């Protein structure tokens, strides 16, 4: 597909336009790329906790039409990173689709302490919304509550627009695009879909095994969703269980199947293949057990195909957007870690599901009429206990009695007061009224707290809020913290643990750090408007949204701080 024109969205200053074009920096007067024709459907795929190295590590076991189809015939960004920390699921999904970082889009963690409410809040929670299932609105007309807080969700905490929101603004009326978000996790469906989506759907296991939504979007599920929920697929995947997809010798580069660094399902004696999900179901949240198995990914593909048919996506009007997030990869990582046999098997099976999905897109939308990008919301560390057993300097950290120690030291230095309000997400929240009434300047107090925190074993850096900008200019690790910090909402002192250290249990892994094992993720583009090739220069997750906007010749999402990856777009 050839580049045929440059469309200027607004002209304010010719010099600024020239600078913008040369530097490829985001600017509301920058050009967008116009192509001869645009795709009928954009599919944005997020694979939860997928590290960049997985593409190479598991490549020999992939088919030619799953991941390899994108690698061989699409555009691969090899040096793709999250340019911020904390690297969690909520912030990751928000960054992909808003084109910016938590410092702008407001999603600073999965859960964070709210100073005004004096409690922890969830990134997608909305007490004004109610769940919507097959029987309508949860608790309506005196009926018993089923979903409770699981249905009280919306994108209300997201401070800026997504790709889908800009698509909705660009074309209104009868030709308006459809925008749908789908995931096992609520935040994985809601945040990518944005504020003006036609629907976001997430999985409710327990005794239902259904996809649900909330009153933020509508008061009744579409009929196609009800039909899907009534199909009994959750039960089928439970009966299927989880066995190895490959011969035993294919797992020889992984950790042994039975090892002390992996966690078990509730009710299991050992974390080993095969997994009898019917037997494990009762002790693991009913149908929620599917979330942590390949069946969870299969259900997302099944539901996505049902959405394409039910919503007639890609069938006319403006280009539609389908945002899909695969969560089972994250659940298995948290339980077993990135070097487990379960992780390899999960990706082999996901590859097959992607092949099935892409083949169906060819049938339903037409080969060459759709575009997909695949990335991840964060990476993951090696299991610290496993690394430590191999002689590596990794370990676990817990703030333990840190708060008590800080209170004592602050009392001695500045006088008795209630100083520390909260410690969470590797951040210290000080009591603002206490700090403001203290005999020293707030900056002095925060820097004193930082000096105490860095004395803690396992803490590599402790940075007071006022020092973030200056230190970010010379330290790429602190730069990641700076871009993940929302002024007035984030903590006063931010902590960075030693590389490979984490606050977690001794089996499985987690994420959230500013280091490459958490920031380095895949980024693949394929399809209509995409240039086959490889990019080795550093790209960022915040660059994906403006790249798709450029492909569609629409404005970037309104909070964008990334730049288009022009190398990925057809010339």
Protein backbone atom coordinates (compact mmCIF):
# COMPACT_ATOMS: atom_id res chain seq x y z
CA UNK A 1 0.00 0.00 0.00
CA UNK A 2 1.51 3.38 -0.98
CA UNK A 3 1.70 6.61 0.99
CA UNK A 4 -0.22 9.06 -1.18
CA UNK A 5 -0.69 12.15 0.95
CA UNK A 6 0.06 13.95 4.17
CA UNK A 7 -3.08 15.36 5.83
CA UNK A 8 -2.52 18.24 8.25
CA UNK A 9 -5.01 18.21 11.13
CA UNK A 10 -4.43 21.88 11.96
CA UNK A 11 -1.97 24.56 10.93
CA UNK A 12 -0.78 26.81 13.72
CA UNK A 13 2.87 27.36 12.96
CA UNK A 14 4.78 26.12 9.93
CA UNK A 15 8.03 25.92 11.85
CA UNK A 16 6.45 23.65 14.45
CA UNK A 17 5.15 21.37 11.71
CA UNK A 18 8.60 21.06 10.18
CA UNK A 19 10.17 20.28 13.55
CA UNK A 20 7.46 17.75 14.30
CA UNK A 21 7.96 15.93 11.00
CA UNK A 22 11.72 15.82 11.46
CA UNK A 23 11.66 14.60 15.06
CA UNK A 24 8.57 12.41 14.83
CA UNK A 25 7.37 13.87 18.10
CA UNK A 26 3.67 13.95 19.00
CA UNK A 27 1.97 17.24 18.29
CA UNK A 28 -1.68 18.03 17.52
CA UNK A 29 -0.64 19.71 14.26
CA UNK A 30 1.47 16.75 13.10
CA UNK A 31 0.56 14.91 9.94
CA UNK A 32 -1.25 11.62 9.77
CA UNK A 33 -0.59 9.04 7.11
CA UNK A 34 -3.24 8.55 4.45
CA UNK A 35 -3.45 5.32 2.45
CA UNK A 36 -5.39 4.37 -0.66
CA UNK A 37 -7.73 2.27 1.46
CA UNK A 38 -8.04 1.50 5.12
CA UNK A 39 -8.68 -1.84 6.80
CA UNK A 40 -12.22 -2.87 7.60
CA UNK A 41 -11.17 -4.06 11.04
CA UNK A 42 -8.35 -3.29 13.46
CA UNK A 43 -7.65 -6.01 16.03
CA UNK A 44 -5.56 -5.02 19.03
CA UNK A 45 -4.26 -8.07 20.89
CA UNK A 46 -2.68 -7.83 24.32
CA UNK A 47 -1.06 -10.98 25.71
CA UNK A 48 -0.82 -10.58 29.46
CA UNK A 49 2.71 -11.04 30.91
CA UNK A 50 4.34 -11.93 27.58
CA UNK A 51 8.07 -11.28 27.68
CA UNK A 52 9.85 -10.33 24.45
CA UNK A 53 12.12 -13.38 24.62
CA UNK A 54 9.15 -15.79 24.43
CA UNK A 55 8.89 -15.28 20.67
CA UNK A 56 12.38 -16.71 20.20
CA UNK A 57 12.34 -19.24 23.04
CA UNK A 58 9.16 -20.93 21.85
CA UNK A 59 9.54 -20.30 18.11
CA UNK A 60 10.47 -23.87 17.20
CA UNK A 61 7.11 -25.08 18.49
CA UNK A 62 4.97 -22.46 16.71
CA UNK A 63 2.97 -23.15 13.56
CA UNK A 64 3.55 -21.16 10.38
CA UNK A 65 0.21 -19.33 10.59
CA UNK A 66 0.09 -18.12 14.18
CA UNK A 67 2.85 -15.93 15.63
CA UNK A 68 5.12 -16.77 12.67
CA UNK A 69 2.59 -15.35 10.23
CA UNK A 70 3.05 -11.97 11.90
CA UNK A 71 6.82 -12.35 12.32
CA UNK A 72 7.48 -13.39 8.73
CA UNK A 73 4.96 -11.22 6.89
CA UNK A 74 4.41 -8.33 9.29
CA UNK A 75 6.54 -5.75 11.06
CA UNK A 76 8.45 -6.71 14.21
CA UNK A 77 9.72 -4.14 16.73
CA UNK A 78 12.54 -6.01 18.46
CA UNK A 79 13.52 -3.35 20.98
CA UNK A 80 10.07 -2.46 22.27
CA UNK A 81 9.62 -1.31 25.86
CA UNK A 82 7.35 0.19 28.43
CA UNK A 83 8.85 3.59 29.11
CA UNK A 84 7.42 3.78 32.61
CA UNK A 85 6.94 1.92 35.86
CA UNK A 86 4.97 0.39 37.60
CA UNK A 87 4.47 -2.30 34.97
CA UNK A 88 1.09 -3.73 35.89
CA UNK A 89 -1.91 -4.97 33.87
CA UNK A 90 -4.17 -1.93 34.22
CA UNK A 91 -1.52 0.66 33.31
CA UNK A 92 -0.26 -1.53 30.46
CA UNK A 93 -3.62 -1.88 28.76
CA UNK A 94 -4.29 1.84 29.22
CA UNK A 95 -0.91 2.83 27.77
CA UNK A 96 -1.31 0.67 24.66
CA UNK A 97 -4.61 2.23 23.65
CA UNK A 98 -4.14 5.83 24.89
CA UNK A 99 -0.66 6.37 23.50
CA UNK A 100 0.61 7.74 26.78
CA UNK A 101 1.83 6.79 30.24
CA UNK A 102 0.24 6.74 33.73
CA UNK A 103 1.51 10.27 34.33
CA UNK A 104 -1.11 11.41 31.79
CA UNK A 105 -3.78 8.68 31.49
CA UNK A 106 -4.24 8.34 35.25
CA UNK A 107 -4.06 4.54 35.52
CA UNK A 108 -1.14 4.42 37.94
CA UNK A 109 -1.56 0.78 39.08
CA UNK A 110 -4.15 -1.99 39.24
CA UNK A 111 -5.14 -0.74 42.69
CA UNK A 112 -3.86 2.38 44.40
CA UNK A 113 -4.36 4.36 47.56
CA UNK A 114 -6.75 7.29 47.10
CA UNK A 115 -5.85 10.14 49.46
CA UNK A 116 -9.26 11.78 49.24
CA UNK A 117 -11.24 8.61 49.88
CA UNK A 118 -8.69 7.29 52.39
CA UNK A 119 -8.90 3.83 50.86
CA UNK A 120 -7.55 1.69 48.03
CA UNK A 121 -9.40 1.98 44.72
CA UNK A 122 -9.38 -0.30 41.68
CA UNK A 123 -8.45 0.94 38.19
CA UNK A 124 -11.77 -0.08 36.56
CA UNK A 125 -14.17 0.15 39.51
CA UNK A 126 -17.27 2.32 39.36
CA UNK A 127 -19.78 2.19 42.24
CA UNK A 128 -22.34 3.92 40.01
CA UNK A 129 -22.38 1.00 37.55
CA UNK A 130 -24.04 -2.39 37.97
CA UNK A 131 -23.27 -5.71 36.37
CA UNK A 132 -25.27 -6.87 33.35
CA UNK A 133 -25.66 -10.58 32.70
CA UNK A 134 -28.02 -12.92 30.91
CA UNK A 135 -30.83 -12.01 33.31
CA UNK A 136 -30.36 -8.28 32.96
CA UNK A 137 -29.11 -5.75 35.50
CA UNK A 138 -27.66 -7.23 38.67
CA UNK A 139 -30.06 -6.82 41.59
CA UNK A 140 -32.73 -5.07 39.50
CA UNK A 141 -36.31 -5.07 40.84
CA UNK A 142 -35.30 -6.76 44.04
CA UNK A 143 -33.65 -9.77 42.42
CA UNK A 144 -30.66 -11.23 44.29
CA UNK A 145 -27.24 -9.78 43.56
CA UNK A 146 -25.08 -12.18 41.57
CA UNK A 147 -22.05 -10.25 40.34
CA UNK A 148 -21.79 -7.57 43.05
CA UNK A 149 -18.54 -5.61 42.62
CA UNK A 150 -17.48 -7.86 39.72
CA UNK A 151 -20.02 -5.99 37.60
CA UNK A 152 -19.47 -2.50 39.02
CA UNK A 153 -16.98 -1.49 36.36
CA UNK A 154 -16.34 1.28 33.84
CA UNK A 155 -13.47 3.33 32.36
CA UNK A 156 -14.29 6.33 34.60
CA UNK A 157 -10.76 6.49 36.09
CA UNK A 158 -9.14 6.72 32.63
CA UNK A 159 -8.30 10.40 32.11
CA UNK A 160 -7.91 10.53 28.32
CA UNK A 161 -9.14 9.07 25.05
CA UNK A 162 -8.25 5.75 23.45
CA UNK A 163 -7.81 4.79 19.80
CA UNK A 164 -11.44 3.68 19.76
CA UNK A 165 -12.63 7.02 21.14
CA UNK A 166 -10.84 8.89 18.36
CA UNK A 167 -12.29 6.48 15.78
CA UNK A 168 -15.75 7.29 17.16
CA UNK A 169 -15.10 11.03 16.92
CA UNK A 170 -13.70 10.75 13.40
CA UNK A 171 -16.81 9.07 11.94
CA UNK A 172 -20.27 9.57 13.42
CA UNK A 173 -23.75 8.67 12.30
CA UNK A 174 -24.72 5.60 10.30
CA UNK A 175 -21.12 4.81 9.33
CA UNK A 176 -19.73 5.06 12.87
CA UNK A 177 -17.27 2.31 13.80
CA UNK A 178 -18.02 -0.47 16.26
CA UNK A 179 -15.61 -0.67 19.21
CA UNK A 180 -15.59 -3.80 21.39
CA UNK A 181 -13.31 -4.92 24.24
CA UNK A 182 -12.97 -8.57 25.35
CA UNK A 183 -10.93 -10.22 28.09
CA UNK A 184 -11.04 -12.69 30.95
CA UNK A 185 -10.16 -9.70 33.17
CA UNK A 186 -12.47 -6.70 33.46
CA UNK A 187 -9.62 -4.19 33.22
CA UNK A 188 -8.28 -5.99 30.14
CA UNK A 189 -11.58 -5.36 28.33
CA UNK A 190 -12.63 -1.97 29.71
CA UNK A 191 -9.49 0.17 29.50
CA UNK A 192 -8.59 -0.72 25.87
CA UNK A 193 -12.19 -0.20 24.69
CA UNK A 194 -12.26 3.35 26.06
CA UNK A 195 -15.08 5.68 27.00
CA UNK A 196 -17.35 5.47 23.96
CA UNK A 197 -17.19 1.73 23.25
CA UNK A 198 -20.20 -0.23 22.07
CA UNK A 199 -19.39 -2.82 24.70
CA UNK A 200 -16.75 -4.33 26.96
CA UNK A 201 -17.09 -7.93 28.14
CA UNK A 202 -15.24 -9.87 30.81
CA UNK A 203 -15.52 -13.37 32.22
CA UNK A 204 -17.45 -14.20 35.36
CA UNK A 205 -16.67 -17.78 36.44
CA UNK A 206 -18.07 -19.09 39.72
CA UNK A 207 -21.24 -21.05 38.92
CA UNK A 208 -21.94 -19.18 35.65
CA UNK A 209 -19.01 -19.34 33.23
CA UNK A 210 -20.44 -16.32 31.38
CA UNK A 211 -19.18 -13.09 29.86
CA UNK A 212 -20.77 -10.08 31.54
CA UNK A 213 -20.70 -6.30 31.17
CA UNK A 214 -22.02 -3.27 33.07
CA UNK A 215 -24.70 -0.59 32.88
CA UNK A 216 -22.04 1.86 31.76
CA UNK A 217 -22.52 0.34 28.28
CA UNK A 218 -26.14 -0.89 28.20
CA UNK A 219 -28.95 -2.31 30.32
CA UNK A 220 -29.32 -5.64 28.51
CA UNK A 221 -26.77 -7.93 26.95
CA UNK A 222 -27.04 -8.26 23.16
CA UNK A 223 -28.74 -11.48 22.08
CA UNK A 224 -25.54 -12.87 20.58
CA UNK A 225 -23.86 -12.59 24.01
CA UNK A 226 -26.72 -14.41 25.70
CA UNK A 227 -26.57 -17.14 23.08
CA UNK A 228 -22.84 -17.52 23.63
CA UNK A 229 -23.29 -17.73 27.40
CA UNK A 230 -25.96 -20.38 26.95
CA UNK A 231 -23.73 -22.52 24.74
CA UNK A 232 -22.01 -24.24 27.67
CA UNK A 233 -18.47 -23.69 26.41
CA UNK A 234 -17.09 -23.12 29.91
CA UNK A 235 -18.21 -26.59 30.93
CA UNK A 236 -16.70 -28.08 27.79
CA UNK A 237 -13.29 -26.53 28.53
CA UNK A 238 -13.48 -27.78 32.11
CA UNK A 239 -14.15 -31.32 30.88
CA UNK A 240 -11.27 -31.02 28.43
CA UNK A 241 -8.77 -30.33 31.21
CA UNK A 242 -5.15 -29.46 30.47
CA UNK A 243 -2.66 -31.98 29.13
CA UNK A 244 0.65 -31.43 27.39
CA UNK A 245 0.36 -30.41 23.74
CA UNK A 246 3.84 -31.69 22.85
CA UNK A 247 5.94 -34.81 23.51
CA UNK A 248 7.81 -34.78 26.83
CA UNK A 249 11.17 -34.17 25.15
CA UNK A 250 9.93 -30.83 23.77
CA UNK A 251 9.95 -29.45 27.32
CA UNK A 252 13.58 -30.36 27.99
CA UNK A 253 14.75 -26.72 28.13
CA UNK A 254 12.15 -25.86 30.77
CA UNK A 255 12.32 -26.42 34.51
CA UNK A 256 11.27 -29.91 35.69
CA UNK A 257 7.52 -30.36 35.78
CA UNK A 258 7.57 -30.98 39.52
CA UNK A 259 9.72 -28.38 41.29
CA UNK A 260 9.48 -26.28 44.48
CA UNK A 261 9.33 -22.96 42.63
CA UNK A 262 5.84 -23.43 41.16
CA UNK A 263 2.54 -23.01 42.95
CA UNK A 264 -0.33 -25.47 42.84
CA UNK A 265 -4.02 -25.05 42.20
CA UNK A 266 -6.05 -25.31 45.39
CA UNK A 267 -6.62 -28.99 46.10
CA UNK A 268 -3.57 -30.19 44.18
CA UNK A 269 -0.79 -32.27 45.66
CA UNK A 270 1.76 -31.24 43.01
CA UNK A 271 1.78 -28.57 40.26
CA UNK A 272 2.18 -31.07 37.44
CA UNK A 273 0.51 -32.21 34.23
CA UNK A 274 -2.15 -33.38 33.56
CA UNK A 275 -4.63 -30.99 35.20
CA UNK A 276 -8.09 -32.39 35.83
CA UNK A 277 -10.13 -29.20 35.87
CA UNK A 278 -13.38 -30.93 36.77
CA UNK A 279 -11.79 -32.14 40.00
CA UNK A 280 -10.15 -28.77 40.67
CA UNK A 281 -13.20 -26.67 39.82
CA UNK A 282 -14.90 -26.59 43.23
CA UNK A 283 -11.77 -25.51 45.12
CA UNK A 284 -10.73 -22.88 42.56
CA UNK A 285 -13.72 -20.60 42.14
CA UNK A 286 -15.88 -22.82 39.95
CA UNK A 287 -15.49 -21.87 36.30
CA UNK A 288 -12.85 -19.32 37.30
CA UNK A 289 -10.39 -22.20 37.11
CA UNK A 290 -10.55 -21.84 33.31
CA UNK A 291 -8.90 -18.41 33.52
CA UNK A 292 -5.57 -19.98 34.46
CA UNK A 293 -5.56 -22.59 31.67
CA UNK A 294 -5.37 -22.55 27.85
CA UNK A 295 -9.15 -22.88 27.83
CA UNK A 296 -9.34 -19.27 28.97
CA UNK A 297 -7.55 -18.13 25.82
CA UNK A 298 -9.75 -20.38 23.68
CA UNK A 299 -12.87 -18.82 25.17
CA UNK A 300 -11.60 -15.32 24.34
CA UNK A 301 -11.12 -16.37 20.70
CA UNK A 302 -14.55 -18.03 20.64
CA UNK A 303 -16.17 -14.91 22.06
CA UNK A 304 -14.27 -12.60 19.70
CA UNK A 305 -15.50 -14.55 16.68
CA UNK A 306 -19.04 -14.40 18.06
CA UNK A 307 -18.65 -10.63 18.49
CA UNK A 308 -17.49 -10.18 14.89
CA UNK A 309 -20.60 -12.01 13.69
CA UNK A 310 -23.02 -10.57 16.24
CA UNK A 311 -21.92 -6.96 15.76
CA UNK A 312 -21.27 -7.39 12.01
CA UNK A 313 -17.79 -5.99 12.46
CA UNK A 314 -15.80 -5.21 9.35
CA UNK A 315 -18.92 -5.28 7.17
CA UNK A 316 -19.24 -1.65 6.14
CA UNK A 317 -18.93 1.93 7.27
CA UNK A 318 -15.81 3.09 9.05
CA UNK A 319 -13.10 0.72 10.24
CA UNK A 320 -14.09 -1.14 13.43
CA UNK A 321 -11.90 -1.92 16.45
CA UNK A 322 -11.78 -5.20 18.36
CA UNK A 323 -9.57 -5.12 21.47
CA UNK A 324 -8.73 -8.58 22.81
CA UNK A 325 -6.69 -9.43 25.88
CA UNK A 326 -5.45 -12.94 26.69
CA UNK A 327 -5.16 -13.28 30.47
CA UNK A 328 -4.42 -16.99 30.96
CA UNK A 329 -0.74 -16.34 30.20
CA UNK A 330 -0.56 -14.03 33.20
CA UNK A 331 -2.30 -16.43 35.56
CA UNK A 332 0.09 -19.26 34.67
CA UNK A 333 3.08 -16.95 35.08
CA UNK A 334 1.99 -15.91 38.55
CA UNK A 335 1.55 -19.56 39.51
CA UNK A 336 4.47 -21.24 37.73
CA UNK A 337 6.89 -18.61 36.45
CA UNK A 338 8.34 -17.90 32.98
CA UNK A 339 10.59 -20.97 32.75
CA UNK A 340 7.97 -23.60 33.55
CA UNK A 341 6.69 -26.32 31.27
CA UNK A 342 3.23 -24.85 31.76
CA UNK A 343 4.38 -21.56 30.25
CA UNK A 344 5.73 -23.25 27.11
CA UNK A 345 2.58 -25.29 26.75
CA UNK A 346 0.39 -22.21 27.25
CA UNK A 347 2.11 -20.41 24.38
CA UNK A 348 2.08 -23.39 22.05
CA UNK A 349 -1.66 -23.64 22.54
CA UNK A 350 -2.12 -19.86 22.24
CA UNK A 351 -0.23 -19.97 18.94
CA UNK A 352 -2.73 -22.50 17.65
CA UNK A 353 -5.61 -20.31 18.80
CA UNK A 354 -4.12 -17.31 17.00
CA UNK A 355 -3.84 -19.39 13.84
CA UNK A 356 -7.49 -20.36 14.18
CA UNK A 357 -8.47 -16.74 14.77
CA UNK A 358 -6.45 -15.32 11.88
CA UNK A 359 -7.82 -17.94 9.50
CA UNK A 360 -11.35 -17.00 10.56
CA UNK A 361 -10.57 -13.32 9.97
CA UNK A 362 -9.52 -14.22 6.43
CA UNK A 363 -12.88 -15.95 5.95
CA UNK A 364 -15.08 -13.35 7.64
CA UNK A 365 -13.34 -10.06 6.81
CA UNK A 366 -11.19 -11.09 3.86
CA UNK A 367 -7.45 -11.58 3.70
CA UNK A 368 -5.83 -8.17 3.28
CA UNK A 369 -8.85 -6.35 4.73
CA UNK A 370 -7.83 -6.48 8.40
CA UNK A 371 -4.91 -5.26 10.49
CA UNK A 372 -3.68 -6.63 13.79
CA UNK A 373 -1.12 -5.60 16.35
CA UNK A 374 0.11 -7.90 19.11
CA UNK A 375 1.87 -6.72 22.24
CA UNK A 376 1.88 -7.27 25.99
CA UNK A 377 0.95 -5.25 29.04
CA UNK A 378 4.21 -6.09 30.88
CA UNK A 379 6.85 -8.78 31.17
CA UNK A 380 7.85 -10.78 34.24
CA UNK A 381 10.88 -11.58 36.38
CA UNK A 382 12.42 -14.98 36.81
CA UNK A 383 11.17 -16.65 39.99
CA UNK A 384 13.55 -15.20 42.65
CA UNK A 385 13.73 -18.39 44.73
CA UNK A 386 14.61 -20.33 41.57
CA UNK A 387 17.27 -17.80 40.53
CA UNK A 388 18.65 -17.68 44.06
CA UNK A 389 18.98 -21.47 44.10
CA UNK A 390 21.19 -21.09 41.02
CA UNK A 391 23.45 -18.59 42.81
CA UNK A 392 21.94 -15.35 41.49
CA UNK A 393 21.50 -12.30 43.78
CA UNK A 394 17.69 -12.31 43.90
CA UNK A 395 15.40 -12.34 46.90
CA UNK A 396 12.09 -11.11 48.32
CA UNK A 397 11.23 -7.83 49.97
CA UNK A 398 8.46 -6.86 52.36
CA UNK A 399 8.08 -3.46 53.95
CA UNK A 400 7.47 -5.26 57.26
CA UNK A 401 8.02 -2.75 60.08
CA UNK A 402 9.24 0.01 57.76
CA UNK A 403 6.25 2.19 58.63
CA UNK A 404 6.98 1.92 62.37
CA UNK A 405 10.62 2.76 61.78
CA UNK A 406 9.73 5.79 59.66
CA UNK A 407 7.29 7.04 62.30
CA UNK A 408 9.95 6.81 65.03
CA UNK A 409 12.67 8.50 62.97
CA UNK A 410 10.35 11.29 61.82
CA UNK A 411 9.13 11.86 65.39
CA UNK A 412 12.72 12.23 66.56
CA UNK A 413 13.67 14.59 63.74
CA UNK A 414 10.54 16.72 63.32
CA UNK A 415 8.34 16.06 66.36
CA UNK A 416 5.61 13.52 67.22
CA UNK A 417 2.91 13.26 64.57
CA UNK A 418 1.08 10.70 62.45
CA UNK A 419 3.41 10.76 59.46
CA UNK A 420 2.84 7.76 57.20
CA UNK A 421 -0.61 7.29 55.70
CA UNK A 422 -0.01 4.28 53.43
CA UNK A 423 2.70 2.05 51.95
CA UNK A 424 1.72 0.25 48.75
CA UNK A 425 2.96 -0.36 45.20
CA UNK A 426 6.52 0.33 46.40
CA UNK A 427 5.55 3.87 47.35
CA UNK A 428 5.27 5.82 50.59
CA UNK A 429 2.23 8.07 51.04
CA UNK A 430 2.81 10.66 53.73
CA UNK A 431 0.01 12.42 55.62
CA UNK A 432 -0.18 15.70 53.74
CA UNK A 433 -1.75 17.75 56.53
CA UNK A 434 0.97 16.52 58.88
CA UNK A 435 3.73 17.36 56.43
CA UNK A 436 2.35 20.83 55.74
CA UNK A 437 2.09 21.66 59.45
CA UNK A 438 5.57 20.34 60.27
CA UNK A 439 8.45 22.71 61.19
CA UNK A 440 10.41 21.76 58.05
CA UNK A 441 9.71 22.18 54.35
CA UNK A 442 7.85 19.25 52.72
CA UNK A 443 10.78 18.58 50.37
CA UNK A 444 13.16 18.19 53.32
CA UNK A 445 10.81 15.73 55.00
CA UNK A 446 10.29 13.64 51.87
CA UNK A 447 14.02 13.53 51.15
CA UNK A 448 14.67 12.46 54.73
CA UNK A 449 12.17 9.61 54.33
CA UNK A 450 13.88 8.59 51.07
CA UNK A 451 17.25 8.49 52.85
CA UNK A 452 15.78 6.14 55.47
CA UNK A 453 14.11 3.87 52.91
CA UNK A 454 17.27 3.32 50.88
CA UNK A 455 18.87 1.82 54.00
CA UNK A 456 16.40 -1.07 53.83
CA UNK A 457 17.78 -4.38 52.56
CA UNK A 458 16.70 -4.96 48.97
CA UNK A 459 15.91 -1.29 48.24
CA UNK A 460 18.16 -0.03 45.43
CA UNK A 461 16.77 3.49 45.17
CA UNK A 462 14.30 5.69 47.05
CA UNK A 463 13.32 8.92 45.30
CA UNK A 464 11.35 11.83 46.71
CA UNK A 465 8.72 13.27 44.38
CA UNK A 466 10.57 16.59 43.92
CA UNK A 467 13.70 14.79 42.72
CA UNK A 468 12.05 12.66 40.04
CA UNK A 469 12.43 15.13 37.16
CA UNK A 470 16.09 15.98 37.76
CA UNK A 471 17.16 12.38 38.34
CA UNK A 472 15.09 11.15 35.38
CA UNK A 473 17.21 13.29 33.07
CA UNK A 474 20.31 11.21 33.85
CA UNK A 475 18.97 7.82 34.96
CA UNK A 476 16.75 5.71 32.66
CA UNK A 477 15.41 3.71 35.62
CA UNK A 478 14.22 6.90 37.35
CA UNK A 479 12.86 8.14 34.02
CA UNK A 480 10.54 5.13 34.02
CA UNK A 481 9.35 6.07 37.51
CA UNK A 482 8.83 9.67 36.42
CA UNK A 483 6.59 8.69 33.52
CA UNK A 484 4.57 6.39 35.80
CA UNK A 485 4.03 9.05 38.46
CA UNK A 486 0.83 11.11 38.46
CA UNK A 487 1.29 14.30 40.42
CA UNK A 488 -1.13 14.55 43.32
CA UNK A 489 -2.20 10.91 43.06
CA UNK A 490 0.96 8.80 43.26
CA UNK A 491 3.09 8.29 46.34
CA UNK A 492 5.49 10.88 47.81
CA UNK A 493 8.53 8.60 47.85
CA UNK A 494 9.02 5.89 45.24
CA UNK A 495 11.09 2.77 45.90
CA UNK A 496 13.04 0.66 43.41
CA UNK A 497 14.02 -2.81 44.60
CA UNK A 498 17.22 -4.53 43.56
CA UNK A 499 17.03 -6.14 40.09
CA UNK A 500 15.23 -9.47 40.32
CA UNK A 501 13.81 -8.75 43.78
CA UNK A 502 10.06 -8.61 44.35
CA UNK A 503 7.32 -8.40 46.94
CA UNK A 504 5.61 -11.73 46.36
CA UNK A 505 5.29 -15.34 47.52
CA UNK A 506 8.11 -17.81 46.97
CA UNK A 507 6.44 -19.66 44.08
CA UNK A 508 5.60 -18.20 40.70
CA UNK A 509 6.47 -14.68 39.64
CA UNK A 510 5.14 -11.16 39.36
CA UNK A 511 6.00 -7.85 37.69
CA UNK A 512 5.91 -4.10 38.25
CA UNK A 513 9.57 -3.05 38.18
CA UNK A 514 11.29 -0.53 35.86
CA UNK A 515 13.82 -3.14 34.68
CA UNK A 516 13.95 -4.74 31.20
CA UNK A 517 12.53 -8.09 32.30
CA UNK A 518 9.30 -6.20 33.01
CA UNK A 519 9.47 -3.47 30.35
CA UNK A 520 10.71 -5.40 27.27
CA UNK A 521 7.70 -6.86 25.46
CA UNK A 522 6.82 -7.96 21.90
CA UNK A 523 5.32 -5.58 19.37
CA UNK A 524 4.09 -7.01 16.06
CA UNK A 525 2.04 -5.35 13.30
CA UNK A 526 0.47 -7.25 10.41
CA UNK A 527 -2.03 -6.77 7.62
CA UNK A 528 -3.54 -3.92 5.66
CA UNK A 529 -1.26 -0.89 5.64
CA UNK A 530 1.67 -2.61 7.35
CA UNK A 531 5.20 -2.70 5.90
CA UNK A 532 6.95 -6.06 6.20
CA UNK A 533 10.21 -5.71 8.08
CA UNK A 534 12.04 -5.39 11.37
CA UNK A 535 12.74 -2.36 13.56
CA UNK A 536 15.74 -2.51 15.86
CA UNK A 537 15.56 1.02 17.21
CA UNK A 538 13.96 1.61 20.59
CA UNK A 539 10.18 1.92 20.42
CA UNK A 540 7.69 2.31 23.23
CA UNK A 541 4.23 1.06 24.05
CA UNK A 542 2.98 4.64 23.90
CA UNK A 543 3.91 4.62 20.19
CA UNK A 544 1.32 1.98 19.23
CA UNK A 545 -1.80 4.17 19.42
CA UNK A 546 -0.40 7.01 17.25
CA UNK A 547 0.82 4.39 14.77
CA UNK A 548 -2.70 3.01 14.37
CA UNK A 549 -4.09 6.56 14.24
CA UNK A 550 -1.67 7.36 11.43
CA UNK A 551 -2.72 4.22 9.58
CA UNK A 552 -6.36 5.36 9.80
CA UNK A 553 -5.62 9.06 9.14
CA UNK A 554 -7.33 10.13 12.35
CA UNK A 555 -6.06 12.26 15.27
CA UNK A 556 -3.93 10.65 17.92
CA UNK A 557 -5.71 9.93 21.21
CA UNK A 558 -5.92 13.26 23.02
CA UNK A 559 -3.31 12.53 25.70
CA UNK A 560 -0.74 10.97 23.36
CA UNK A 561 2.92 11.39 24.26
CA UNK A 562 4.22 8.66 21.92
CA UNK A 563 5.19 8.94 18.27
CA UNK A 564 4.10 6.85 15.27
CA UNK A 565 6.35 3.98 14.26
CA UNK A 566 6.42 5.07 10.61
CA UNK A 567 8.74 2.22 9.66
CA UNK A 568 5.83 -0.16 10.32
CA UNK A 569 3.49 1.60 7.89
CA UNK A 570 3.34 0.90 4.15
CA UNK A 571 5.04 3.54 2.05
